[in-house]
Amino acid sequence: MNFQTLNIWAILVSTVVAFALGALWFSPPVFGKLWQRANKFGPGEPGKAGGAGLLIALILTLVMSVNLAMALDGC
């Protein structure tokens, strides 16, 4: 696998879009309250994600985007 053939801009855009959609998806107005109920969380659970948690989520989304780009580049 040659990383030079990967489109870095596509990877970065897909990372930001996937992260933003995840944030929207789990927000209380969309599916956040249903998700809390399905996981049997009480009021106020789980707590708000801190900066470290969001940074880890962003990094893992970047890893997922790179992995997908590598898989599609090999096709």
N, C-alpha and C. Protein backbone atom coordinates (compact mmCIF):
# COMPACT_ATOMS: atom_id res chain seq x y z
N MET A 1 0.85 -1.18 0.00
CA MET A 1 0.00 0.00 0.00
C MET A 1 0.88 1.23 0.00
N ASN A 2 0.58 2.14 -0.88
CA ASN A 2 1.31 3.39 -1.01
C ASN A 2 0.43 4.52 -0.51
N PHE A 3 0.83 5.14 0.60
CA PHE A 3 0.02 6.22 1.17
C PHE A 3 0.00 7.46 0.29
N GLN A 4 0.95 7.58 -0.63
CA GLN A 4 1.01 8.75 -1.50
C GLN A 4 -0.13 8.77 -2.51
N THR A 5 -0.76 7.63 -2.75
CA THR A 5 -1.87 7.59 -3.71
C THR A 5 -3.19 7.97 -3.06
N LEU A 6 -3.22 8.10 -1.74
CA LEU A 6 -4.46 8.45 -1.06
C LEU A 6 -4.72 9.95 -1.16
N ASN A 7 -5.98 10.31 -1.30
CA ASN A 7 -6.39 11.71 -1.38
C ASN A 7 -6.59 12.24 0.03
N ILE A 8 -5.62 13.00 0.52
CA ILE A 8 -5.66 13.48 1.90
C ILE A 8 -6.84 14.40 2.14
N TRP A 9 -7.22 15.20 1.15
CA TRP A 9 -8.36 16.12 1.31
C TRP A 9 -9.66 15.34 1.45
N ALA A 10 -9.81 14.28 0.68
CA ALA A 10 -11.01 13.45 0.80
C ALA A 10 -11.07 12.79 2.17
N ILE A 11 -9.92 12.37 2.67
CA ILE A 11 -9.87 11.74 3.99
C ILE A 11 -10.24 12.75 5.07
N LEU A 12 -9.69 13.96 4.99
CA LEU A 12 -10.00 14.98 6.00
C LEU A 12 -11.46 15.42 5.95
N VAL A 13 -11.99 15.59 4.74
CA VAL A 13 -13.40 15.99 4.62
C VAL A 13 -14.31 14.89 5.14
N SER A 14 -14.01 13.63 4.80
CA SER A 14 -14.85 12.53 5.28
C SER A 14 -14.76 12.40 6.80
N THR A 15 -13.61 12.70 7.38
CA THR A 15 -13.46 12.67 8.83
C THR A 15 -14.35 13.71 9.49
N VAL A 16 -14.29 14.93 8.98
CA VAL A 16 -15.09 16.02 9.57
C VAL A 16 -16.59 15.74 9.40
N VAL A 17 -16.98 15.28 8.21
CA VAL A 17 -18.40 15.01 7.95
C VAL A 17 -18.91 13.87 8.83
N ALA A 18 -18.13 12.79 8.94
CA ALA A 18 -18.54 11.66 9.78
C ALA A 18 -18.62 12.07 11.25
N PHE A 19 -17.68 12.88 11.71
CA PHE A 19 -17.69 13.34 13.10
C PHE A 19 -18.90 14.23 13.35
N ALA A 20 -19.19 15.14 12.42
CA ALA A 20 -20.33 16.04 12.57
C ALA A 20 -21.65 15.28 12.53
N LEU A 21 -21.75 14.31 11.61
CA LEU A 21 -22.98 13.52 11.55
C LEU A 21 -23.17 12.69 12.81
N GLY A 22 -22.09 12.18 13.37
CA GLY A 22 -22.18 11.44 14.63
C GLY A 22 -22.65 12.33 15.76
N ALA A 23 -22.13 13.54 15.80
CA ALA A 23 -22.56 14.49 16.83
C ALA A 23 -24.04 14.84 16.67
N LEU A 24 -24.46 15.03 15.45
CA LEU A 24 -25.87 15.33 15.19
C LEU A 24 -26.75 14.14 15.52
N TRP A 25 -26.31 12.95 15.13
CA TRP A 25 -27.10 11.73 15.31
C TRP A 25 -27.40 11.47 16.79
N PHE A 26 -26.41 11.66 17.65
CA PHE A 26 -26.59 11.39 19.07
C PHE A 26 -27.02 12.61 19.87
N SER A 27 -27.38 13.70 19.20
CA SER A 27 -27.86 14.87 19.92
C SER A 27 -29.28 14.61 20.41
N PRO A 28 -29.68 15.22 21.53
CA PRO A 28 -31.01 14.97 22.08
C PRO A 28 -32.17 15.23 21.12
N PRO A 29 -32.13 16.25 20.25
CA PRO A 29 -33.28 16.44 19.36
C PRO A 29 -33.45 15.34 18.31
N VAL A 30 -32.39 14.63 17.97
CA VAL A 30 -32.50 13.61 16.92
C VAL A 30 -32.75 12.25 17.55
N PHE A 31 -31.69 11.54 17.94
CA PHE A 31 -31.86 10.21 18.52
C PHE A 31 -31.22 10.07 19.89
N GLY A 32 -30.71 11.15 20.45
CA GLY A 32 -30.02 11.08 21.74
C GLY A 32 -30.88 10.55 22.86
N LYS A 33 -32.11 11.03 22.96
CA LYS A 33 -32.99 10.57 24.04
C LYS A 33 -33.39 9.12 23.85
N LEU A 34 -33.65 8.72 22.61
CA LEU A 34 -33.96 7.31 22.33
C LEU A 34 -32.78 6.42 22.65
N TRP A 35 -31.58 6.88 22.31
CA TRP A 35 -30.36 6.12 22.59
C TRP A 35 -30.17 5.96 24.09
N GLN A 36 -30.40 7.03 24.87
CA GLN A 36 -30.29 6.95 26.32
C GLN A 36 -31.29 5.97 26.90
N ARG A 37 -32.52 6.02 26.42
CA ARG A 37 -33.56 5.12 26.90
C ARG A 37 -33.24 3.66 26.55
N ALA A 38 -32.77 3.43 25.32
CA ALA A 38 -32.45 2.06 24.88
C ALA A 38 -31.30 1.47 25.69
N ASN A 39 -30.39 2.31 26.15
CA ASN A 39 -29.26 1.84 26.95
C ASN A 39 -29.52 1.93 28.44
N LYS A 40 -30.76 2.26 28.81
CA LYS A 40 -31.20 2.32 30.21
C LYS A 40 -30.38 3.30 31.06
N PHE A 41 -30.04 4.45 30.47
CA PHE A 41 -29.37 5.50 31.21
C PHE A 41 -30.42 6.32 31.95
N GLY A 42 -30.05 6.80 33.12
CA GLY A 42 -30.94 7.66 33.87
C GLY A 42 -30.80 9.10 33.40
N PRO A 43 -31.55 10.01 34.03
CA PRO A 43 -31.43 11.42 33.65
C PRO A 43 -30.01 11.93 33.90
N GLY A 44 -29.47 12.60 32.94
CA GLY A 44 -28.13 13.14 33.07
C GLY A 44 -27.02 12.14 32.80
N GLU A 45 -27.36 10.90 32.48
CA GLU A 45 -26.35 9.89 32.16
C GLU A 45 -26.33 9.67 30.67
N PRO A 46 -25.28 9.32 30.06
CA PRO A 46 -23.93 9.52 30.56
C PRO A 46 -23.60 11.00 30.61
N GLY A 47 -22.56 11.34 31.32
CA GLY A 47 -22.18 12.75 31.45
C GLY A 47 -21.73 13.33 30.12
N LYS A 48 -21.58 14.62 30.10
CA LYS A 48 -21.10 15.29 28.88
C LYS A 48 -19.70 14.81 28.54
N ALA A 49 -19.45 14.66 27.25
CA ALA A 49 -18.12 14.24 26.80
C ALA A 49 -17.15 15.40 27.00
N GLY A 50 -16.02 15.11 27.59
CA GLY A 50 -15.00 16.12 27.78
C GLY A 50 -14.17 16.29 26.52
N GLY A 51 -13.23 17.20 26.59
CA GLY A 51 -12.37 17.46 25.45
C GLY A 51 -11.56 16.25 25.03
N ALA A 52 -11.08 15.48 26.03
CA ALA A 52 -10.28 14.29 25.71
C ALA A 52 -11.13 13.24 24.99
N GLY A 53 -12.36 13.07 25.44
CA GLY A 53 -13.25 12.10 24.80
C GLY A 53 -13.57 12.48 23.36
N LEU A 54 -13.80 13.76 23.13
CA LEU A 54 -14.07 14.22 21.77
C LEU A 54 -12.84 14.11 20.88
N LEU A 55 -11.67 14.38 21.44
CA LEU A 55 -10.43 14.26 20.66
C LEU A 55 -10.19 12.80 20.27
N ILE A 56 -10.42 11.89 21.19
CA ILE A 56 -10.26 10.46 20.89
C ILE A 56 -11.25 10.04 19.81
N ALA A 57 -12.48 10.51 19.92
CA ALA A 57 -13.49 10.18 18.90
C ALA A 57 -13.08 10.72 17.53
N LEU A 58 -12.54 11.93 17.50
CA LEU A 58 -12.09 12.52 16.24
C LEU A 58 -10.93 11.73 15.64
N ILE A 59 -9.98 11.34 16.47
CA ILE A 59 -8.83 10.56 15.99
C ILE A 59 -9.29 9.20 15.46
N LEU A 60 -10.20 8.56 16.16
CA LEU A 60 -10.70 7.27 15.70
C LEU A 60 -11.51 7.40 14.42
N THR A 61 -12.20 8.51 14.25
CA THR A 61 -12.91 8.76 12.99
C THR A 61 -11.91 8.96 11.86
N LEU A 62 -10.80 9.63 12.14
CA LEU A 62 -9.74 9.78 11.14
C LEU A 62 -9.15 8.43 10.76
N VAL A 63 -8.92 7.58 11.74
CA VAL A 63 -8.40 6.23 11.46
C VAL A 63 -9.39 5.46 10.58
N MET A 64 -10.67 5.58 10.89
CA MET A 64 -11.69 4.91 10.09
C MET A 64 -11.69 5.43 8.65
N SER A 65 -11.53 6.73 8.46
CA SER A 65 -11.51 7.31 7.12
C SER A 65 -10.28 6.87 6.32
N VAL A 66 -9.14 6.80 6.99
CA VAL A 66 -7.92 6.34 6.31
C VAL A 66 -8.08 4.87 5.93
N ASN A 67 -8.62 4.08 6.83
CA ASN A 67 -8.84 2.66 6.56
C ASN A 67 -9.76 2.47 5.35
N LEU A 68 -10.83 3.23 5.29
CA LEU A 68 -11.75 3.14 4.16
C LEU A 68 -11.08 3.59 2.87
N ALA A 69 -10.28 4.65 2.93
CA ALA A 69 -9.58 5.12 1.73
C ALA A 69 -8.58 4.07 1.24
N MET A 70 -7.91 3.40 2.16
CA MET A 70 -6.97 2.35 1.79
C MET A 70 -7.69 1.17 1.14
N ALA A 71 -8.83 0.82 1.69
CA ALA A 71 -9.61 -0.30 1.12
C ALA A 71 -10.12 0.04 -0.28
N LEU A 72 -10.59 1.29 -0.45
CA LEU A 72 -11.10 1.68 -1.76
C LEU A 72 -9.98 1.89 -2.77
N ASP A 73 -8.80 2.27 -2.31
CA ASP A 73 -7.67 2.46 -3.21
C ASP A 73 -7.17 1.14 -3.76
N GLY A 74 -7.37 0.07 -3.01
CA GLY A 74 -6.92 -1.24 -3.45
C GLY A 74 -7.89 -1.91 -4.43
N CYS A 75 -9.07 -1.34 -4.62
CA CYS A 75 -10.07 -1.94 -5.52
C CYS A 75 -9.70 -1.77 -6.97
